[in-house]
Amino acid sequence: MVDAVRPTQGKTLAVMQVSGGSQSFNAVNQLPVLGRWMRTLTIPNQSSLAKAYLGFDKAGRMKPSAYFDRVVEVMGKLVKFTLLTRNIGPQLVNRYSERKESAETSSTITKE
């Protein structure tokens, strides 16, 4: 791909999981790998909410709990990482191979 930019490239990513049953970390542990593949800046914090049907009130709001506290913590880190990397995200995901390919393509176009 020449000059290919993914829409997610340079964006920050927080990983959270909600499940109806018991807590499983398989998905939540694999999502940061996908985030890196999509060239996102994945924050180190993550959250998992087991038995989601018990975690919300009738109005759909999350009940106060350790899970709620963890979600708030993860969202706080997401905001901080976003603010810290807002102007430098493109430099953090910039790859040498793509710069080289782009330069080669530019020089070929210029020569013709």
PDB file of N, CA and C in Angstrom:
ATOM      1  N   MET A   1       0.831  -1.179   0.000  1.00  0.00           N
ATOM      2  CA  MET A   1       0.000   0.000   0.000  1.00  0.00           C
ATOM      3  C   MET A   1       0.880   1.248   0.000  1.00  0.00           C
ATOM      4  N   VAL A   2       0.660   2.110  -0.913  1.00  0.00           N
ATOM      5  CA  VAL A   2       1.385   3.364  -0.957  1.00  0.00           C
ATOM      6  C   VAL A   2       0.535   4.429  -0.287  1.00  0.00           C
ATOM      7  N   ASP A   3       1.131   5.142   0.650  1.00  0.00           N
ATOM      8  CA  ASP A   3       0.441   6.214   1.373  1.00  0.00           C
ATOM      9  C   ASP A   3      -0.865   5.755   2.017  1.00  0.00           C
ATOM     10  N   ALA A   4      -0.918   4.495   2.444  1.00  0.00           N
ATOM     11  CA  ALA A   4      -2.126   3.979   3.089  1.00  0.00           C
ATOM     12  C   ALA A   4      -2.159   4.431   4.538  1.00  0.00           C
ATOM     13  N   VAL A   5      -3.248   5.036   4.919  1.00  0.00           N
ATOM     14  CA  VAL A   5      -3.425   5.469   6.305  1.00  0.00           C
ATOM     15  C   VAL A   5      -4.727   4.868   6.798  1.00  0.00           C
ATOM     16  N   ARG A   6      -4.625   4.145   7.886  1.00  0.00           N
ATOM     17  CA  ARG A   6      -5.833   3.573   8.473  1.00  0.00           C
ATOM     18  C   ARG A   6      -6.576   4.686   9.222  1.00  0.00           C
ATOM     19  N   PRO A   7      -7.903   4.657   9.240  1.00  0.00           N
ATOM     20  CA  PRO A   7      -8.647   5.699   9.957  1.00  0.00           C
ATOM     21  C   PRO A   7      -8.346   5.707  11.453  1.00  0.00           C
ATOM     22  N   THR A   8      -7.886   4.581  11.975  1.00  0.00           N
ATOM     23  CA  THR A   8      -7.588   4.482  13.403  1.00  0.00           C
ATOM     24  C   THR A   8      -6.156   4.892  13.729  1.00  0.00           C
ATOM     25  N   GLN A   9      -5.332   5.064  12.737  1.00  0.00           N
ATOM     26  CA  GLN A   9      -3.906   5.330  12.930  1.00  0.00           C
ATOM     27  C   GLN A   9      -3.669   6.585  13.768  1.00  0.00           C
ATOM     28  N   GLY A  10      -2.926   6.410  14.864  1.00  0.00           N
ATOM     29  CA  GLY A  10      -2.584   7.534  15.728  1.00  0.00           C
ATOM     30  C   GLY A  10      -3.644   7.874  16.766  1.00  0.00           C
ATOM     31  N   LYS A  11      -4.784   7.182  16.745  1.00  0.00           N
ATOM     32  CA  LYS A  11      -5.850   7.424  17.731  1.00  0.00           C
ATOM     33  C   LYS A  11      -5.549   6.636  19.002  1.00  0.00           C
ATOM     34  N   THR A  12      -6.072   7.110  20.122  1.00  0.00           N
ATOM     35  CA  THR A  12      -5.907   6.360  21.365  1.00  0.00           C
ATOM     36  C   THR A  12      -7.051   5.363  21.512  1.00  0.00           C
ATOM     37  N   LEU A  13      -6.757   4.265  22.187  1.00  0.00           N
ATOM     38  CA  LEU A  13      -7.722   3.190  22.334  1.00  0.00           C
ATOM     39  C   LEU A  13      -7.739   2.692  23.772  1.00  0.00           C
ATOM     40  N   ALA A  14      -8.932   2.549  24.325  1.00  0.00           N
ATOM     41  CA  ALA A  14      -9.120   1.908  25.621  1.00  0.00           C
ATOM     42  C   ALA A  14      -9.890   0.619  25.364  1.00  0.00           C
ATOM     43  N   VAL A  15      -9.520  -0.438  26.055  1.00  0.00           N
ATOM     44  CA  VAL A  15     -10.160  -1.734  25.870  1.00  0.00           C
ATOM     45  C   VAL A  15     -11.007  -2.057  27.095  1.00  0.00           C
ATOM     46  N   MET A  16     -12.286  -2.340  26.838  1.00  0.00           N
ATOM     47  CA  MET A  16     -13.185  -2.767  27.902  1.00  0.00           C
ATOM     48  C   MET A  16     -14.064  -3.883  27.363  1.00  0.00           C
ATOM     49  N   GLN A  17     -14.481  -4.735  28.255  1.00  0.00           N
ATOM     50  CA  GLN A  17     -15.304  -5.884  27.879  1.00  0.00           C
ATOM     51  C   GLN A  17     -16.495  -5.973  28.818  1.00  0.00           C
ATOM     52  N   VAL A  18     -17.640  -6.272  28.258  1.00  0.00           N
ATOM     53  CA  VAL A  18     -18.838  -6.515  29.052  1.00  0.00           C
ATOM     54  C   VAL A  18     -19.323  -7.908  28.689  1.00  0.00           C
ATOM     55  N   SER A  19     -19.567  -8.732  29.686  1.00  0.00           N
ATOM     56  CA  SER A  19     -20.053 -10.079  29.405  1.00  0.00           C
ATOM     57  C   SER A  19     -21.251 -10.406  30.281  1.00  0.00           C
ATOM     58  N   GLY A  20     -22.083 -11.278  29.792  1.00  0.00           N
ATOM     59  CA  GLY A  20     -23.268 -11.676  30.536  1.00  0.00           C
ATOM     60  C   GLY A  20     -22.989 -12.779  31.539  1.00  0.00           C
ATOM     61  N   GLY A  21     -21.864 -13.448  31.378  1.00  0.00           N
ATOM     62  CA  GLY A  21     -21.531 -14.555  32.267  1.00  0.00           C
ATOM     63  C   GLY A  21     -20.335 -14.238  33.128  1.00  0.00           C
ATOM     64  N   SER A  22     -19.555 -15.269  33.380  1.00  0.00           N
ATOM     65  CA  SER A  22     -18.383 -15.082  34.230  1.00  0.00           C
ATOM     66  C   SER A  22     -17.303 -14.294  33.486  1.00  0.00           C
ATOM     67  N   GLN A  23     -16.372 -13.794  34.250  1.00  0.00           N
ATOM     68  CA  GLN A  23     -15.328 -12.944  33.694  1.00  0.00           C
ATOM     69  C   GLN A  23     -14.335 -13.790  32.904  1.00  0.00           C
ATOM     70  N   SER A  24     -14.069 -13.383  31.672  1.00  0.00           N
ATOM     71  CA  SER A  24     -13.087 -14.045  30.821  1.00  0.00           C
ATOM     72  C   SER A  24     -12.168 -12.974  30.269  1.00  0.00           C
ATOM     73  N   PHE A  25     -10.896 -13.192  30.402  1.00  0.00           N
ATOM     74  CA  PHE A  25      -9.949 -12.186  29.942  1.00  0.00           C
ATOM     75  C   PHE A  25      -9.407 -12.479  28.548  1.00  0.00           C
ATOM     76  N   ASN A  26      -9.887 -13.534  27.894  1.00  0.00           N
ATOM     77  CA  ASN A  26      -9.367 -13.875  26.572  1.00  0.00           C
ATOM     78  C   ASN A  26      -9.555 -12.732  25.576  1.00  0.00           C
ATOM     79  N   ALA A  27     -10.776 -12.239  25.453  1.00  0.00           N
ATOM     80  CA  ALA A  27     -11.050 -11.175  24.481  1.00  0.00           C
ATOM     81  C   ALA A  27     -10.347  -9.883  24.869  1.00  0.00           C
ATOM     82  N   VAL A  28     -10.450  -9.511  26.125  1.00  0.00           N
ATOM     83  CA  VAL A  28      -9.869  -8.243  26.562  1.00  0.00           C
ATOM     84  C   VAL A  28      -8.335  -8.266  26.464  1.00  0.00           C
ATOM     85  N   ASN A  29      -7.736  -9.436  26.528  1.00  0.00           N
ATOM     86  CA  ASN A  29      -6.286  -9.538  26.371  1.00  0.00           C
ATOM     87  C   ASN A  29      -5.861  -9.533  24.913  1.00  0.00           C
ATOM     88  N   GLN A  30      -6.736  -9.923  24.005  1.00  0.00           N
ATOM     89  CA  GLN A  30      -6.399  -9.933  22.577  1.00  0.00           C
ATOM     90  C   GLN A  30      -6.692  -8.604  21.886  1.00  0.00           C
ATOM     91  N   LEU A  31      -7.603  -7.828  22.415  1.00  0.00           N
ATOM     92  CA  LEU A  31      -7.963  -6.561  21.763  1.00  0.00           C
ATOM     93  C   LEU A  31      -6.799  -5.573  21.649  1.00  0.00           C
ATOM     94  N   PRO A  32      -5.919  -5.457  22.645  1.00  0.00           N
ATOM     95  CA  PRO A  32      -4.776  -4.558  22.448  1.00  0.00           C
ATOM     96  C   PRO A  32      -3.874  -4.983  21.285  1.00  0.00           C
ATOM     97  N   VAL A  33      -3.799  -6.271  21.019  1.00  0.00           N
ATOM     98  CA  VAL A  33      -3.034  -6.758  19.869  1.00  0.00           C
ATOM     99  C   VAL A  33      -3.672  -6.240  18.583  1.00  0.00           C
ATOM    100  N   LEU A  34      -4.985  -6.326  18.492  1.00  0.00           N
ATOM    101  CA  LEU A  34      -5.685  -5.787  17.329  1.00  0.00           C
ATOM    102  C   LEU A  34      -5.513  -4.274  17.238  1.00  0.00           C
ATOM    103  N   GLY A  35      -5.533  -3.618  18.393  1.00  0.00           N
ATOM    104  CA  GLY A  35      -5.318  -2.168  18.415  1.00  0.00           C
ATOM    105  C   GLY A  35      -3.963  -1.785  17.851  1.00  0.00           C
ATOM    106  N   ARG A  36      -2.938  -2.544  18.206  1.00  0.00           N
ATOM    107  CA  ARG A  36      -1.599  -2.266  17.655  1.00  0.00           C
ATOM    108  C   ARG A  36      -1.578  -2.504  16.149  1.00  0.00           C
ATOM    109  N   TRP A  37      -2.252  -3.556  15.694  1.00  0.00           N
ATOM    110  CA  TRP A  37      -2.326  -3.841  14.267  1.00  0.00           C
ATOM    111  C   TRP A  37      -3.005  -2.688  13.519  1.00  0.00           C
ATOM    112  N   MET A  38      -3.989  -2.064  14.169  1.00  0.00           N
ATOM    113  CA  MET A  38      -4.685  -0.928  13.573  1.00  0.00           C
ATOM    114  C   MET A  38      -3.921   0.377  13.798  1.00  0.00           C
ATOM    115  N   ARG A  39      -2.744   0.268  14.398  1.00  0.00           N
ATOM    116  CA  ARG A  39      -1.845   1.393  14.700  1.00  0.00           C
ATOM    117  C   ARG A  39      -2.466   2.432  15.626  1.00  0.00           C
ATOM    118  N   THR A  40      -3.187   1.939  16.609  1.00  0.00           N
ATOM    119  CA  THR A  40      -3.703   2.838  17.636  1.00  0.00           C
ATOM    120  C   THR A  40      -2.696   2.918  18.773  1.00  0.00           C
ATOM    121  N   LEU A  41      -2.832   3.918  19.586  1.00  0.00           N
ATOM    122  CA  LEU A  41      -2.028   4.061  20.794  1.00  0.00           C
ATOM    123  C   LEU A  41      -2.867   3.489  21.930  1.00  0.00           C
ATOM    124  N   THR A  42      -2.673   2.223  22.215  1.00  0.00           N
ATOM    125  CA  THR A  42      -3.504   1.507  23.177  1.00  0.00           C
ATOM    126  C   THR A  42      -3.018   1.777  24.593  1.00  0.00           C
ATOM    127  N   ILE A  43      -3.908   2.266  25.444  1.00  0.00           N
ATOM    128  CA  ILE A  43      -3.514   2.563  26.817  1.00  0.00           C
ATOM    129  C   ILE A  43      -3.299   1.257  27.578  1.00  0.00           C
ATOM    130  N   PRO A  44      -2.452   1.263  28.594  1.00  0.00           N
ATOM    131  CA  PRO A  44      -2.169   0.017  29.321  1.00  0.00           C
ATOM    132  C   PRO A  44      -3.306  -0.448  30.232  1.00  0.00           C
ATOM    133  N   ASN A  45      -4.197   0.436  30.618  1.00  0.00           N
ATOM    134  CA  ASN A  45      -5.309   0.064  31.493  1.00  0.00           C
ATOM    135  C   ASN A  45      -6.422  -0.584  30.681  1.00  0.00           C
ATOM    136  N   GLN A  46      -7.119  -1.535  31.268  1.00  0.00           N
ATOM    137  CA  GLN A  46      -8.276  -2.141  30.629  1.00  0.00           C
ATOM    138  C   GLN A  46      -9.279  -2.549  31.699  1.00  0.00           C
ATOM    139  N   SER A  47     -10.496  -2.851  31.267  1.00  0.00           N
ATOM    140  CA  SER A  47     -11.543  -3.186  32.214  1.00  0.00           C
ATOM    141  C   SER A  47     -12.405  -4.314  31.665  1.00  0.00           C
ATOM    142  N   SER A  48     -12.950  -5.101  32.571  1.00  0.00           N
ATOM    143  CA  SER A  48     -13.838  -6.195  32.195  1.00  0.00           C
ATOM    144  C   SER A  48     -14.992  -6.231  33.193  1.00  0.00           C
ATOM    145  N   LEU A  49     -16.213  -6.245  32.684  1.00  0.00           N
ATOM    146  CA  LEU A  49     -17.406  -6.288  33.530  1.00  0.00           C
ATOM    147  C   LEU A  49     -18.113  -7.620  33.336  1.00  0.00           C
ATOM    148  N   ALA A  50     -18.065  -8.461  34.359  1.00  0.00           N
ATOM    149  CA  ALA A  50     -18.747  -9.754  34.308  1.00  0.00           C
ATOM    150  C   ALA A  50     -20.182  -9.606  34.817  1.00  0.00           C
ATOM    151  N   LYS A  51     -21.043 -10.501  34.389  1.00  0.00           N
ATOM    152  CA  LYS A  51     -22.451 -10.516  34.807  1.00  0.00           C
ATOM    153  C   LYS A  51     -23.067  -9.119  34.699  1.00  0.00           C
ATOM    154  N   ALA A  52     -23.001  -8.589  33.501  1.00  0.00           N
ATOM    155  CA  ALA A  52     -23.462  -7.228  33.251  1.00  0.00           C
ATOM    156  C   ALA A  52     -24.913  -7.010  33.657  1.00  0.00           C
ATOM    157  N   TYR A  53     -25.723  -8.032  33.600  1.00  0.00           N
ATOM    158  CA  TYR A  53     -27.136  -7.894  33.964  1.00  0.00           C
ATOM    159  C   TYR A  53     -27.312  -7.491  35.427  1.00  0.00           C
ATOM    160  N   LEU A  54     -26.298  -7.707  36.249  1.00  0.00           N
ATOM    161  CA  LEU A  54     -26.359  -7.294  37.653  1.00  0.00           C
ATOM    162  C   LEU A  54     -25.765  -5.907  37.879  1.00  0.00           C
ATOM    163  N   GLY A  55     -25.044  -5.398  36.907  1.00  0.00           N
ATOM    164  CA  GLY A  55     -24.288  -4.164  37.088  1.00  0.00           C
ATOM    165  C   GLY A  55     -25.012  -2.872  36.761  1.00  0.00           C
ATOM    166  N   PHE A  56     -26.266  -2.960  36.272  1.00  0.00           N
ATOM    167  CA  PHE A  56     -26.979  -1.757  35.851  1.00  0.00           C
ATOM    168  C   PHE A  56     -28.340  -1.674  36.526  1.00  0.00           C
ATOM    169  N   ASP A  57     -28.794  -0.441  36.773  1.00  0.00           N
ATOM    170  CA  ASP A  57     -30.121  -0.261  37.359  1.00  0.00           C
ATOM    171  C   ASP A  57     -31.176  -0.242  36.247  1.00  0.00           C
ATOM    172  N   LYS A  58     -32.434  -0.051  36.628  1.00  0.00           N
ATOM    173  CA  LYS A  58     -33.537  -0.073  35.654  1.00  0.00           C
ATOM    174  C   LYS A  58     -33.446   1.063  34.632  1.00  0.00           C
ATOM    175  N   ALA A  59     -32.800   2.152  35.005  1.00  0.00           N
ATOM    176  CA  ALA A  59     -32.651   3.282  34.094  1.00  0.00           C
ATOM    177  C   ALA A  59     -31.470   3.083  33.133  1.00  0.00           C
ATOM    178  N   GLY A  60     -30.731   1.994  33.307  1.00  0.00           N
ATOM    179  CA  GLY A  60     -29.601   1.723  32.419  1.00  0.00           C
ATOM    180  C   GLY A  60     -28.284   2.317  32.871  1.00  0.00           C
ATOM    181  N   ARG A  61     -28.269   2.878  34.064  1.00  0.00           N
ATOM    182  CA  ARG A  61     -27.029   3.450  34.599  1.00  0.00           C
ATOM    183  C   ARG A  61     -26.263   2.383  35.370  1.00  0.00           C
ATOM    184  N   MET A  62     -24.969   2.447  35.279  1.00  0.00           N
ATOM    185  CA  MET A  62     -24.135   1.478  35.978  1.00  0.00           C
ATOM    186  C   MET A  62     -24.189   1.735  37.477  1.00  0.00           C
ATOM    187  N   LYS A  63     -24.384   0.661  38.232  1.00  0.00           N
ATOM    188  CA  LYS A  63     -24.454   0.768  39.688  1.00  0.00           C
ATOM    189  C   LYS A  63     -23.061   1.013  40.276  1.00  0.00           C
ATOM    190  N   PRO A  64     -23.000   1.736  41.409  1.00  0.00           N
ATOM    191  CA  PRO A  64     -21.702   1.913  42.070  1.00  0.00           C
ATOM    192  C   PRO A  64     -21.129   0.548  42.457  1.00  0.00           C
ATOM    193  N   SER A  65     -19.872   0.319  42.090  1.00  0.00           N
ATOM    194  CA  SER A  65     -19.210  -0.952  42.391  1.00  0.00           C
ATOM    195  C   SER A  65     -17.726  -0.816  42.048  1.00  0.00           C
ATOM    196  N   ALA A  66     -16.978  -1.861  42.317  1.00  0.00           N
ATOM    197  CA  ALA A  66     -15.560  -1.877  41.932  1.00  0.00           C
ATOM    198  C   ALA A  66     -15.440  -1.836  40.405  1.00  0.00           C
ATOM    199  N   TYR A  67     -16.391  -2.460  39.700  1.00  0.00           N
ATOM    200  CA  TYR A  67     -16.389  -2.412  38.229  1.00  0.00           C
ATOM    201  C   TYR A  67     -16.573  -0.979  37.735  1.00  0.00           C
ATOM    202  N   PHE A  68     -17.523  -0.268  38.367  1.00  0.00           N
ATOM    203  CA  PHE A  68     -17.763   1.133  38.001  1.00  0.00           C
ATOM    204  C   PHE A  68     -16.496   1.953  38.208  1.00  0.00           C
ATOM    205  N   ASP A  69     -15.858   1.759  39.355  1.00  0.00           N
ATOM    206  CA  ASP A  69     -14.620   2.492  39.646  1.00  0.00           C
ATOM    207  C   ASP A  69     -13.552   2.208  38.591  1.00  0.00           C
ATOM    208  N   ARG A  70     -13.465   0.965  38.153  1.00  0.00           N
ATOM    209  CA  ARG A  70     -12.470   0.589  37.148  1.00  0.00           C
ATOM    210  C   ARG A  70     -12.771   1.241  35.803  1.00  0.00           C
ATOM    211  N   VAL A  71     -14.041   1.291  35.412  1.00  0.00           N
ATOM    212  CA  VAL A  71     -14.423   1.954  34.161  1.00  0.00           C
ATOM    213  C   VAL A  71     -14.046   3.430  34.214  1.00  0.00           C
ATOM    214  N   VAL A  72     -14.328   4.074  35.334  1.00  0.00           N
ATOM    215  CA  VAL A  72     -13.977   5.490  35.492  1.00  0.00           C
ATOM    216  C   VAL A  72     -12.462   5.671  35.394  1.00  0.00           C
ATOM    217  N   GLU A  73     -11.714   4.774  36.019  1.00  0.00           N
ATOM    218  CA  GLU A  73     -10.251   4.843  35.969  1.00  0.00           C
ATOM    219  C   GLU A  73      -9.734   4.690  34.531  1.00  0.00           C
ATOM    220  N   VAL A  74     -10.268   3.719  33.809  1.00  0.00           N
ATOM    221  CA  VAL A  74      -9.840   3.498  32.423  1.00  0.00           C
ATOM    222  C   VAL A  74     -10.183   4.708  31.556  1.00  0.00           C
ATOM    223  N   MET A  75     -11.364   5.256  31.731  1.00  0.00           N
ATOM    224  CA  MET A  75     -11.758   6.427  30.930  1.00  0.00           C
ATOM    225  C   MET A  75     -10.882   7.641  31.257  1.00  0.00           C
ATOM    226  N   GLY A  76     -10.524   7.783  32.522  1.00  0.00           N
ATOM    227  CA  GLY A  76      -9.615   8.864  32.905  1.00  0.00           C
ATOM    228  C   GLY A  76      -8.264   8.733  32.214  1.00  0.00           C
ATOM    229  N   LYS A  77      -7.741   7.509  32.168  1.00  0.00           N
ATOM    230  CA  LYS A  77      -6.460   7.270  31.479  1.00  0.00           C
ATOM    231  C   LYS A  77      -6.599   7.509  29.982  1.00  0.00           C
ATOM    232  N   LEU A  78      -7.731   7.130  29.402  1.00  0.00           N
ATOM    233  CA  LEU A  78      -7.943   7.359  27.972  1.00  0.00           C
ATOM    234  C   LEU A  78      -7.890   8.850  27.657  1.00  0.00           C
ATOM    235  N   VAL A  79      -8.546   9.654  28.476  1.00  0.00           N
ATOM    236  CA  VAL A  79      -8.533  11.109  28.272  1.00  0.00           C
ATOM    237  C   VAL A  79      -7.108  11.644  28.404  1.00  0.00           C
ATOM    238  N   LYS A  80      -6.389  11.203  29.436  1.00  0.00           N
ATOM    239  CA  LYS A  80      -5.009  11.677  29.631  1.00  0.00           C
ATOM    240  C   LYS A  80      -4.111  11.297  28.468  1.00  0.00           C
ATOM    241  N   PHE A  81      -4.175  10.035  28.036  1.00  0.00           N
ATOM    242  CA  PHE A  81      -3.348   9.598  26.912  1.00  0.00           C
ATOM    243  C   PHE A  81      -3.711  10.349  25.641  1.00  0.00           C
ATOM    244  N   THR A  82      -4.997  10.596  25.437  1.00  0.00           N
ATOM    245  CA  THR A  82      -5.431  11.332  24.248  1.00  0.00           C
ATOM    246  C   THR A  82      -4.860  12.746  24.266  1.00  0.00           C
ATOM    247  N   LEU A  83      -4.942  13.411  25.401  1.00  0.00           N
ATOM    248  CA  LEU A  83      -4.410  14.769  25.495  1.00  0.00           C
ATOM    249  C   LEU A  83      -2.889  14.803  25.330  1.00  0.00           C
ATOM    250  N   LEU A  84      -2.208  13.810  25.918  1.00  0.00           N
ATOM    251  CA  LEU A  84      -0.746  13.768  25.836  1.00  0.00           C
ATOM    252  C   LEU A  84      -0.240  13.450  24.436  1.00  0.00           C
ATOM    253  N   THR A  85      -0.996  12.680  23.678  1.00  0.00           N
ATOM    254  CA  THR A  85      -0.522  12.245  22.364  1.00  0.00           C
ATOM    255  C   THR A  85      -1.235  12.911  21.193  1.00  0.00           C
ATOM    256  N   ARG A  86      -2.119  13.822  21.479  1.00  0.00           N
ATOM    257  CA  ARG A  86      -2.931  14.440  20.418  1.00  0.00           C
ATOM    258  C   ARG A  86      -2.086  14.991  19.274  1.00  0.00           C
ATOM    259  N   ASN A  87      -1.044  15.704  19.566  1.00  0.00           N
ATOM    260  CA  ASN A  87      -0.247  16.340  18.513  1.00  0.00           C
ATOM    261  C   ASN A  87       0.919  15.495  18.034  1.00  0.00           C
ATOM    262  N   ILE A  88       1.212  14.397  18.718  1.00  0.00           N
ATOM    263  CA  ILE A  88       2.363  13.582  18.312  1.00  0.00           C
ATOM    264  C   ILE A  88       1.960  12.192  17.834  1.00  0.00           C
ATOM    265  N   GLY A  89       0.683  11.895  17.800  1.00  0.00           N
ATOM    266  CA  GLY A  89       0.210  10.586  17.348  1.00  0.00           C
ATOM    267  C   GLY A  89       0.756  10.183  15.990  1.00  0.00           C
ATOM    268  N   PRO A  90       0.704  11.068  14.979  1.00  0.00           N
ATOM    269  CA  PRO A  90       1.231  10.689  13.667  1.00  0.00           C
ATOM    270  C   PRO A  90       2.720  10.304  13.695  1.00  0.00           C
ATOM    271  N   GLN A  91       3.509  10.958  14.522  1.00  0.00           N
ATOM    272  CA  GLN A  91       4.926  10.613  14.614  1.00  0.00           C
ATOM    273  C   GLN A  91       5.122   9.261  15.297  1.00  0.00           C
ATOM    274  N   LEU A  92       4.247   8.912  16.229  1.00  0.00           N
ATOM    275  CA  LEU A  92       4.382   7.654  16.955  1.00  0.00           C
ATOM    276  C   LEU A  92       4.044   6.439  16.098  1.00  0.00           C
ATOM    277  N   VAL A  93       3.227   6.613  15.076  1.00  0.00           N
ATOM    278  CA  VAL A  93       2.840   5.487  14.225  1.00  0.00           C
ATOM    279  C   VAL A  93       3.460   5.562  12.836  1.00  0.00           C
ATOM    280  N   ASN A  94       4.326   6.531  12.616  1.00  0.00           N
ATOM    281  CA  ASN A  94       5.002   6.707  11.342  1.00  0.00           C
ATOM    282  C   ASN A  94       6.023   5.584  11.160  1.00  0.00           C
ATOM    283  N   ARG A  95       5.991   4.896  10.032  1.00  0.00           N
ATOM    284  CA  ARG A  95       6.886   3.769   9.797  1.00  0.00           C
ATOM    285  C   ARG A  95       7.916   4.089   8.719  1.00  0.00           C
ATOM    286  N   TYR A  96       9.131   3.651   8.981  1.00  0.00           N
ATOM    287  CA  TYR A  96      10.225   3.858   8.039  1.00  0.00           C
ATOM    288  C   TYR A  96       9.909   3.258   6.669  1.00  0.00           C
ATOM    289  N   SER A  97       9.387   2.035   6.652  1.00  0.00           N
ATOM    290  CA  SER A  97       9.104   1.364   5.379  1.00  0.00           C
ATOM    291  C   SER A  97       8.118   2.167   4.530  1.00  0.00           C
ATOM    292  N   GLU A  98       7.141   2.801   5.165  1.00  0.00           N
ATOM    293  CA  GLU A  98       6.172   3.601   4.421  1.00  0.00           C
ATOM    294  C   GLU A  98       6.779   4.910   3.929  1.00  0.00           C
ATOM    295  N   ARG A  99       7.635   5.514   4.758  1.00  0.00           N
ATOM    296  CA  ARG A  99       8.313   6.743   4.316  1.00  0.00           C
ATOM    297  C   ARG A  99       9.216   6.433   3.131  1.00  0.00           C
ATOM    298  N   LYS A 100       9.923   5.320   3.194  1.00  0.00           N
ATOM    299  CA  LYS A 100      10.831   4.909   2.120  1.00  0.00           C
ATOM    300  C   LYS A 100      10.042   4.652   0.838  1.00  0.00           C
ATOM    301  N   GLU A 101       8.943   3.907   0.943  1.00  0.00           N
ATOM    302  CA  GLU A 101       8.112   3.597  -0.215  1.00  0.00           C
ATOM    303  C   GLU A 101       7.520   4.868  -0.822  1.00  0.00           C
ATOM    304  N   SER A 102       7.086   5.776   0.028  1.00  0.00           N
ATOM    305  CA  SER A 102       6.521   7.043  -0.444  1.00  0.00           C
ATOM    306  C   SER A 102       7.578   7.868  -1.166  1.00  0.00           C
ATOM    307  N   ALA A 103       8.800   7.901  -0.627  1.00  0.00           N
ATOM    308  CA  ALA A 103       9.885   8.654  -1.261  1.00  0.00           C
ATOM    309  C   ALA A 103      10.233   8.042  -2.610  1.00  0.00           C
ATOM    310  N   GLU A 104      10.270   6.716  -2.705  1.00  0.00           N
ATOM    311  CA  GLU A 104      10.563   6.045  -3.956  1.00  0.00           C
ATOM    312  C   GLU A 104       9.489   6.326  -5.000  1.00  0.00           C
ATOM    313  N   THR A 105       8.246   6.319  -4.578  1.00  0.00           N
ATOM    314  CA  THR A 105       7.142   6.598  -5.479  1.00  0.00           C
ATOM    315  C   THR A 105       7.207   8.050  -5.958  1.00  0.00           C
ATOM    316  N   SER A 106       7.517   8.963  -5.050  1.00  0.00           N
ATOM    317  CA  SER A 106       7.619  10.382  -5.415  1.00  0.00           C
ATOM    318  C   SER A 106       8.737  10.605  -6.420  1.00  0.00           C
ATOM    319  N   SER A 107       9.882   9.966  -6.208  1.00  0.00           N
ATOM    320  CA  SER A 107      11.003  10.159  -7.127  1.00  0.00           C
ATOM    321  C   SER A 107      10.705   9.533  -8.479  1.00  0.00           C
ATOM    322  N   THR A 108       9.965   8.445  -8.535  1.00  0.00           N
ATOM    323  CA  THR A 108       9.588   7.821  -9.804  1.00  0.00           C
ATOM    324  C   THR A 108       8.634   8.724 -10.561  1.00  0.00           C
ATOM    325  N   ILE A 109       7.701   9.331  -9.876  1.00  0.00           N
ATOM    326  CA  ILE A 109       6.742  10.234 -10.510  1.00  0.00           C
ATOM    327  C   ILE A 109       7.462  11.481 -11.018  1.00  0.00           C
ATOM    328  N   THR A 110       8.405  11.992 -10.258  1.00  0.00           N
ATOM    329  CA  THR A 110       9.146  13.202 -10.634  1.00  0.00           C
ATOM    330  C   THR A 110      10.008  12.950 -11.863  1.00  0.00           C
ATOM    331  N   LYS A 111      10.608  11.770 -11.970  1.00  0.00           N
ATOM    332  CA  LYS A 111      11.490  11.447 -13.088  1.00  0.00           C
ATOM    333  C   LYS A 111      10.729  11.291 -14.389  1.00  0.00           C
ATOM    334  N   GLU A 112       9.481  10.860 -14.321  1.00  0.00           N
ATOM    335  CA  GLU A 112       8.718  10.595 -15.558  1.00  0.00           C
ATOM    336  C   GLU A 112       8.225  11.833 -16.221  1.00  0.00           C
TER     337      GLU A 112
END
